[in-house]
Amino acid sequence: ASCGRTTYSPKWNFTTFCTTSMANPANPVPAIGASGQSRTATLSWDAVTDPCGGAVKYDVYVGVASPPTGLVLENLTAPTGTLLQQPASTVIYWRVVVKRPCGGNLEGPIWNFTTGP
């Protein structure tokens, strides 16, 4: 992926990068605070578009404490992924990190749901 535009001349050269901010991931499923969810829940959220035109990828962090620190899904190209077995009757915290091809990753908000028995 091209990460900027480079211009050359006999005396100078420079590269410019897009620094336009991306929107936060939103509308998580399961819904924030949902209870009785599957222990192998499928997580999803609204896709995030890179205003600079890059193809984004998503990492998902999950844990039983906030902030979640366990990287459980990596380099997703679609805004969805299924968790491996989680503990029963437990609050699960999760966060999506949106990755640009040229850096400038965006950590989304922390969401949570509770698994069923």
C-alpha atoms as a PDB file:
ATOM      1  CA  ALA A   1       0.000   0.000   0.000  1.00  0.00           C
ATOM      2  CA  SER A   2       1.219   3.460  -0.801  1.00  0.00           C
ATOM      3  CA  CYS A   3       1.411   5.494   2.384  1.00  0.00           C
ATOM      4  CA  GLY A   4       1.845   8.951   0.947  1.00  0.00           C
ATOM      5  CA  ARG A   5       2.991  11.000  -1.981  1.00  0.00           C
ATOM      6  CA  THR A   6       6.705  11.567  -2.546  1.00  0.00           C
ATOM      7  CA  THR A   7       7.988  14.431  -4.662  1.00  0.00           C
ATOM      8  CA  TYR A   8      11.574  14.669  -5.894  1.00  0.00           C
ATOM      9  CA  SER A   9      13.693  17.462  -7.332  1.00  0.00           C
ATOM     10  CA  PRO A  10      17.424  18.035  -7.632  1.00  0.00           C
ATOM     11  CA  LYS A  11      17.465  19.899  -4.296  1.00  0.00           C
ATOM     12  CA  TRP A  12      14.763  18.342  -2.060  1.00  0.00           C
ATOM     13  CA  ASN A  13      12.238  15.583  -1.564  1.00  0.00           C
ATOM     14  CA  PHE A  14       9.474  14.992   0.954  1.00  0.00           C
ATOM     15  CA  THR A  15       6.562  12.658   1.680  1.00  0.00           C
ATOM     16  CA  THR A  16       3.158  13.744   2.917  1.00  0.00           C
ATOM     17  CA  PHE A  17       0.800  11.545   4.907  1.00  0.00           C
ATOM     18  CA  CYS A  18      -2.914  11.767   5.485  1.00  0.00           C
ATOM     19  CA  THR A  19      -3.688  12.719   9.088  1.00  0.00           C
ATOM     20  CA  THR A  20      -7.477  13.025   8.851  1.00  0.00           C
ATOM     21  CA  SER A  21      -9.129  11.380  11.879  1.00  0.00           C
ATOM     22  CA  MET A  22     -11.334   8.320  11.606  1.00  0.00           C
ATOM     23  CA  ALA A  23     -14.664   7.938  13.401  1.00  0.00           C
ATOM     24  CA  ASN A  24     -14.834   5.614  16.417  1.00  0.00           C
ATOM     25  CA  PRO A  25     -16.282   2.131  15.971  1.00  0.00           C
ATOM     26  CA  ALA A  26     -19.954   2.236  17.028  1.00  0.00           C
ATOM     27  CA  ASN A  27     -23.129   0.173  17.528  1.00  0.00           C
ATOM     28  CA  PRO A  28     -21.612  -2.922  19.133  1.00  0.00           C
ATOM     29  CA  VAL A  29     -23.348  -6.296  19.091  1.00  0.00           C
ATOM     30  CA  PRO A  30     -23.935  -7.636  21.686  1.00  0.00           C
ATOM     31  CA  ALA A  31     -25.322  -4.338  22.913  1.00  0.00           C
ATOM     32  CA  ILE A  32     -23.517  -2.534  25.722  1.00  0.00           C
ATOM     33  CA  GLY A  33     -24.491  -4.149  29.027  1.00  0.00           C
ATOM     34  CA  ALA A  34     -26.409  -7.024  27.402  1.00  0.00           C
ATOM     35  CA  SER A  35     -26.790 -10.084  29.641  1.00  0.00           C
ATOM     36  CA  GLY A  36     -27.230 -13.804  29.047  1.00  0.00           C
ATOM     37  CA  GLN A  37     -25.048 -13.749  25.934  1.00  0.00           C
ATOM     38  CA  SER A  38     -23.473 -16.783  24.318  1.00  0.00           C
ATOM     39  CA  ARG A  39     -20.092 -17.782  25.714  1.00  0.00           C
ATOM     40  CA  THR A  40     -18.906 -17.939  22.086  1.00  0.00           C
ATOM     41  CA  ALA A  41     -20.531 -14.646  21.078  1.00  0.00           C
ATOM     42  CA  THR A  42     -20.161 -13.211  17.615  1.00  0.00           C
ATOM     43  CA  LEU A  43     -19.063  -9.599  17.993  1.00  0.00           C
ATOM     44  CA  SER A  44     -19.865  -6.949  15.409  1.00  0.00           C
ATOM     45  CA  TRP A  45     -19.798  -3.178  15.028  1.00  0.00           C
ATOM     46  CA  ASP A  46     -20.290  -0.563  12.326  1.00  0.00           C
ATOM     47  CA  ALA A  47     -17.517  -0.532   9.737  1.00  0.00           C
ATOM     48  CA  VAL A  48     -15.052   2.334   9.964  1.00  0.00           C
ATOM     49  CA  THR A  49     -13.980   4.109   6.792  1.00  0.00           C
ATOM     50  CA  ASP A  50     -10.534   5.627   6.464  1.00  0.00           C
ATOM     51  CA  PRO A  51     -11.170   9.135   5.068  1.00  0.00           C
ATOM     52  CA  CYS A  52      -7.726   8.912   3.462  1.00  0.00           C
ATOM     53  CA  GLY A  53      -8.855   5.958   1.343  1.00  0.00           C
ATOM     54  CA  GLY A  54      -6.860   3.178   2.994  1.00  0.00           C
ATOM     55  CA  ALA A  55      -8.211  -0.299   3.654  1.00  0.00           C
ATOM     56  CA  VAL A  56      -8.619  -0.649   7.419  1.00  0.00           C
ATOM     57  CA  LYS A  57      -8.193  -3.807   9.485  1.00  0.00           C
ATOM     58  CA  TYR A  58      -9.501  -4.500  12.966  1.00  0.00           C
ATOM     59  CA  ASP A  59      -7.983  -6.031  16.086  1.00  0.00           C
ATOM     60  CA  VAL A  60     -10.267  -7.036  18.967  1.00  0.00           C
ATOM     61  CA  TYR A  61      -9.119  -7.074  22.588  1.00  0.00           C
ATOM     62  CA  VAL A  62     -11.147  -8.980  25.199  1.00  0.00           C
ATOM     63  CA  GLY A  63     -10.852  -9.471  28.938  1.00  0.00           C
ATOM     64  CA  VAL A  64     -12.678  -9.883  32.240  1.00  0.00           C
ATOM     65  CA  ALA A  65     -11.273  -6.553  33.488  1.00  0.00           C
ATOM     66  CA  SER A  66     -11.330  -3.081  31.969  1.00  0.00           C
ATOM     67  CA  PRO A  67      -9.419  -2.177  29.916  1.00  0.00           C
ATOM     68  CA  PRO A  68      -9.292  -5.494  28.044  1.00  0.00           C
ATOM     69  CA  THR A  69      -5.740  -6.545  27.166  1.00  0.00           C
ATOM     70  CA  GLY A  70      -6.079  -9.933  25.441  1.00  0.00           C
ATOM     71  CA  LEU A  71      -5.692  -9.713  21.662  1.00  0.00           C
ATOM     72  CA  VAL A  72      -8.143 -12.405  20.523  1.00  0.00           C
ATOM     73  CA  LEU A  73      -8.987 -11.432  16.932  1.00  0.00           C
ATOM     74  CA  GLU A  74      -6.368  -9.884  14.674  1.00  0.00           C
ATOM     75  CA  ASN A  75      -6.266  -8.248  11.236  1.00  0.00           C
ATOM     76  CA  LEU A  76      -9.970  -8.690  10.526  1.00  0.00           C
ATOM     77  CA  THR A  77     -11.063  -7.164   7.223  1.00  0.00           C
ATOM     78  CA  ALA A  78     -14.755  -7.111   8.161  1.00  0.00           C
ATOM     79  CA  PRO A  79     -16.304  -5.637  11.340  1.00  0.00           C
ATOM     80  CA  THR A  80     -17.213  -8.988  12.901  1.00  0.00           C
ATOM     81  CA  GLY A  81     -15.605 -11.950  14.624  1.00  0.00           C
ATOM     82  CA  THR A  82     -16.521 -14.888  16.859  1.00  0.00           C
ATOM     83  CA  LEU A  83     -14.973 -15.360  20.278  1.00  0.00           C
ATOM     84  CA  LEU A  84     -13.595 -18.598  21.620  1.00  0.00           C
ATOM     85  CA  GLN A  85     -15.255 -19.981  24.758  1.00  0.00           C
ATOM     86  CA  GLN A  86     -15.549 -17.310  27.485  1.00  0.00           C
ATOM     87  CA  PRO A  87     -16.223 -17.896  31.204  1.00  0.00           C
ATOM     88  CA  ALA A  88     -19.847 -18.446  32.257  1.00  0.00           C
ATOM     89  CA  SER A  89     -21.849 -15.697  33.981  1.00  0.00           C
ATOM     90  CA  THR A  90     -19.015 -13.196  33.600  1.00  0.00           C
ATOM     91  CA  VAL A  91     -18.776  -9.586  32.442  1.00  0.00           C
ATOM     92  CA  ILE A  92     -16.700  -9.547  29.263  1.00  0.00           C
ATOM     93  CA  TYR A  93     -15.025  -6.277  28.244  1.00  0.00           C
ATOM     94  CA  TRP A  94     -14.001  -5.707  24.650  1.00  0.00           C
ATOM     95  CA  ARG A  95     -12.498  -3.037  22.441  1.00  0.00           C
ATOM     96  CA  VAL A  96     -11.864  -2.682  18.714  1.00  0.00           C
ATOM     97  CA  VAL A  97      -8.641  -1.140  17.428  1.00  0.00           C
ATOM     98  CA  VAL A  98      -8.936   0.175  13.867  1.00  0.00           C
ATOM     99  CA  LYS A  99      -5.659  -0.073  11.953  1.00  0.00           C
ATOM    100  CA  ARG A 100      -4.692   2.059   8.962  1.00  0.00           C
ATOM    101  CA  PRO A 101      -2.188   0.707   6.456  1.00  0.00           C
ATOM    102  CA  CYS A 102       0.190   3.611   7.221  1.00  0.00           C
ATOM    103  CA  GLY A 103      -0.245   3.780  10.992  1.00  0.00           C
ATOM    104  CA  GLY A 104      -2.393   6.106  13.043  1.00  0.00           C
ATOM    105  CA  ASN A 105      -4.380   3.321  14.715  1.00  0.00           C
ATOM    106  CA  LEU A 106      -7.577   4.227  16.565  1.00  0.00           C
ATOM    107  CA  GLU A 107      -8.561   2.592  19.862  1.00  0.00           C
ATOM    108  CA  GLY A 108     -12.335   2.416  20.077  1.00  0.00           C
ATOM    109  CA  PRO A 109     -14.402   2.701  23.248  1.00  0.00           C
ATOM    110  CA  ILE A 110     -14.602  -0.149  25.750  1.00  0.00           C
ATOM    111  CA  TRP A 111     -17.845  -2.144  25.588  1.00  0.00           C
ATOM    112  CA  ASN A 112     -19.127  -4.965  27.780  1.00  0.00           C
ATOM    113  CA  PHE A 113     -21.684  -7.755  27.978  1.00  0.00           C
ATOM    114  CA  THR A 114     -22.354 -10.603  30.399  1.00  0.00           C
ATOM    115  CA  THR A 115     -22.223 -14.257  29.392  1.00  0.00           C
ATOM    116  CA  GLY A 116     -24.921 -16.700  30.334  1.00  0.00           C
ATOM    117  CA  PRO A 117     -24.456 -19.780  32.521  1.00  0.00           C
END
